[in-house]
Protein backbone atom coordinates (compact mmCIF):
# COMPACT_ATOMS: atom_id res chain seq x y z
CA MET A 1 -2.78 13.92 -14.55
CA LYS A 2 -0.17 11.30 -13.29
CA ARG A 3 3.25 10.09 -14.49
CA ILE A 4 5.98 8.01 -13.47
CA VAL A 5 9.37 10.09 -12.89
CA GLU A 6 12.28 7.52 -13.36
CA PRO A 7 15.43 9.60 -14.26
CA GLU A 8 17.84 7.66 -16.62
CA SER A 9 20.86 8.96 -14.31
CA MET A 10 19.32 6.38 -11.29
CA ALA A 11 19.56 3.04 -11.05
CA PRO A 12 15.92 1.24 -11.60
CA PRO A 13 13.76 0.74 -8.51
CA ALA A 14 14.55 -2.55 -6.71
CA ALA A 15 11.01 -3.94 -7.22
CA ASN A 16 7.62 -3.46 -8.74
CA TYR A 17 7.31 0.16 -8.00
CA ALA A 18 8.33 3.40 -9.14
CA HIS A 19 10.85 5.95 -7.65
CA ALA A 20 8.35 8.95 -8.08
CA VAL A 21 5.10 9.64 -9.18
CA LEU A 22 3.92 13.23 -10.40
CA THR A 23 0.37 14.22 -9.99
CA THR A 24 -0.69 17.51 -11.61
CA GLY A 25 -4.39 18.66 -11.81
CA ALA A 26 -6.13 16.23 -9.49
CA SER A 27 -9.35 17.22 -8.40
CA ARG A 28 -9.47 14.36 -5.81
CA MET A 29 -7.35 13.17 -3.47
CA LEU A 30 -7.45 10.40 -0.77
CA HIS A 31 -4.81 10.31 1.97
CA THR A 32 -5.51 7.23 4.38
CA SER A 33 -4.36 6.54 8.07
CA GLY A 34 -2.31 3.35 8.70
CA VAL A 35 -4.96 0.77 7.46
CA VAL A 36 -4.65 -2.39 9.77
CA PRO A 37 -5.66 -5.94 9.40
CA ILE A 38 -8.88 -5.83 11.29
CA SER A 39 -11.75 -7.56 9.25
CA ALA A 40 -15.31 -6.01 8.94
CA ASP A 41 -16.53 -8.48 11.76
CA GLY A 42 -13.85 -7.16 14.07
CA THR A 43 -11.33 -10.20 13.99
CA VAL A 44 -7.56 -10.05 12.97
CA PRO A 45 -6.21 -13.18 11.19
CA GLY A 46 -3.16 -14.77 12.66
CA ASP A 47 -0.78 -15.08 9.61
CA LEU A 48 0.74 -12.38 7.37
CA ALA A 49 -0.72 -13.56 4.13
CA SER A 50 -4.36 -13.46 5.59
CA GLN A 51 -3.32 -10.01 7.33
CA VAL A 52 -2.20 -8.65 3.61
CA GLU A 53 -5.32 -9.57 2.29
CA VAL A 54 -7.57 -7.76 4.91
CA VAL A 55 -5.44 -4.67 5.11
CA TRP A 56 -5.49 -4.30 1.15
CA GLY A 57 -9.33 -5.25 1.24
CA ASN A 58 -9.66 -2.58 3.62
CA ILE A 59 -7.71 -0.06 1.23
CA LEU A 60 -9.67 -1.05 -1.90
CA ASN A 61 -12.91 -0.55 -0.06
CA LEU A 62 -11.82 3.15 1.01
CA LEU A 63 -11.00 3.82 -2.41
CA SER A 64 -13.97 2.85 -3.96
CA THR A 65 -16.07 4.69 -0.99
CA ALA A 66 -14.12 7.53 -2.02
CA GLY A 67 -14.84 7.05 -5.87
CA LEU A 68 -11.33 5.94 -6.63
CA GLU A 69 -9.68 2.93 -7.98
CA PRO A 70 -6.24 1.00 -7.85
CA ALA A 71 -5.08 2.91 -10.69
CA ASP A 72 -5.47 5.96 -9.05
CA VAL A 73 -2.73 5.06 -6.21
CA ILE A 74 0.27 7.12 -6.23
CA SER A 75 2.31 6.25 -2.72
CA VAL A 76 2.09 3.29 -0.59
CA THR A 77 4.19 2.76 2.55
CA THR A 78 3.89 -0.47 4.29
CA TYR A 79 4.94 -1.11 7.91
CA VAL A 80 5.77 -5.17 8.51
CA VAL A 81 6.85 -6.51 11.90
CA HIS A 82 10.34 -7.52 11.59
CA GLY A 83 10.97 -11.23 11.21
CA GLU A 84 7.69 -11.28 8.88
CA ASP A 85 8.05 -12.39 5.51
CA LEU A 86 8.54 -9.08 3.28
CA ALA A 87 7.85 -10.83 -0.01
CA VAL A 88 4.18 -11.82 1.15
CA ALA A 89 3.62 -8.00 1.58
CA MET A 90 5.04 -7.03 -1.48
CA ALA A 91 3.19 -9.55 -3.40
CA GLY A 92 0.12 -8.34 -1.88
CA ARG A 93 0.57 -4.79 -2.89
CA ASP A 94 1.29 -5.91 -6.56
CA ARG A 95 -1.95 -8.04 -6.59
CA ALA A 96 -4.08 -5.13 -5.36
CA LEU A 97 -2.96 -2.82 -7.37
CA GLY A 98 -2.93 -4.83 -10.76
CA GLY A 99 0.07 -3.59 -12.48
CA THR A 100 -0.33 0.07 -11.37
CA LEU A 101 3.15 1.21 -10.38
CA ALA A 102 3.34 3.55 -7.27
CA ALA A 103 5.96 4.96 -5.41
CA SER A 104 6.25 2.63 -2.55
CA THR A 105 8.22 2.33 0.65
CA LEU A 106 8.79 -0.60 3.07
CA VAL A 107 9.69 -0.18 6.62
CA THR A 108 9.93 -3.04 9.16
CA VAL A 109 9.57 -2.39 12.39
CA PRO A 110 9.75 -4.03 16.24
CA ALA A 111 5.89 -3.91 16.56
CA LEU A 112 2.77 -2.18 15.75
CA ALA A 113 0.25 -0.68 18.13
CA ARG A 114 -1.53 -4.09 18.84
CA PRO A 115 0.74 -7.22 19.15
CA GLU A 116 -1.72 -9.30 16.85
CA TRP A 117 -0.88 -6.78 13.96
CA LYS A 118 1.88 -7.96 11.54
CA MET A 119 1.52 -5.26 9.13
CA GLU A 120 -0.31 -1.63 8.52
CA ILE A 121 -0.25 0.26 5.22
CA SER A 122 -1.45 3.53 4.20
CA VAL A 123 -1.60 5.15 0.79
CA ILE A 124 -2.55 8.54 -1.15
CA ALA A 125 -4.60 8.09 -4.37
CA ALA A 126 -5.34 11.07 -6.89
CA ARG A 127 -7.34 11.58 -9.69
């Protein structure tokens, strides 16, 4: 149903992700909006590392509620405010996905919709 696509004629990915993921015969797909670092109690942590944990916690909650799991994630798009530590954001992705390779795009932006947000992530999952 899900297969990593990595042609031998391309250089390997620059980090822990797949160039592409082919999904066939999926009976369930989840497309999230941008998931932001707002905790269940409505608070937003001040530092990026804590925001990473909140965002991925929210994503894992969405997956679980939809009957999916991290291994079902096929694509991740991460937006991080310019000047923040990109390695922190990517390490959070790697922890949350637990070794699952997904297609992944990282974009730096000057700002997000609320000034206290340092990151936002959207995912696509399929099973």
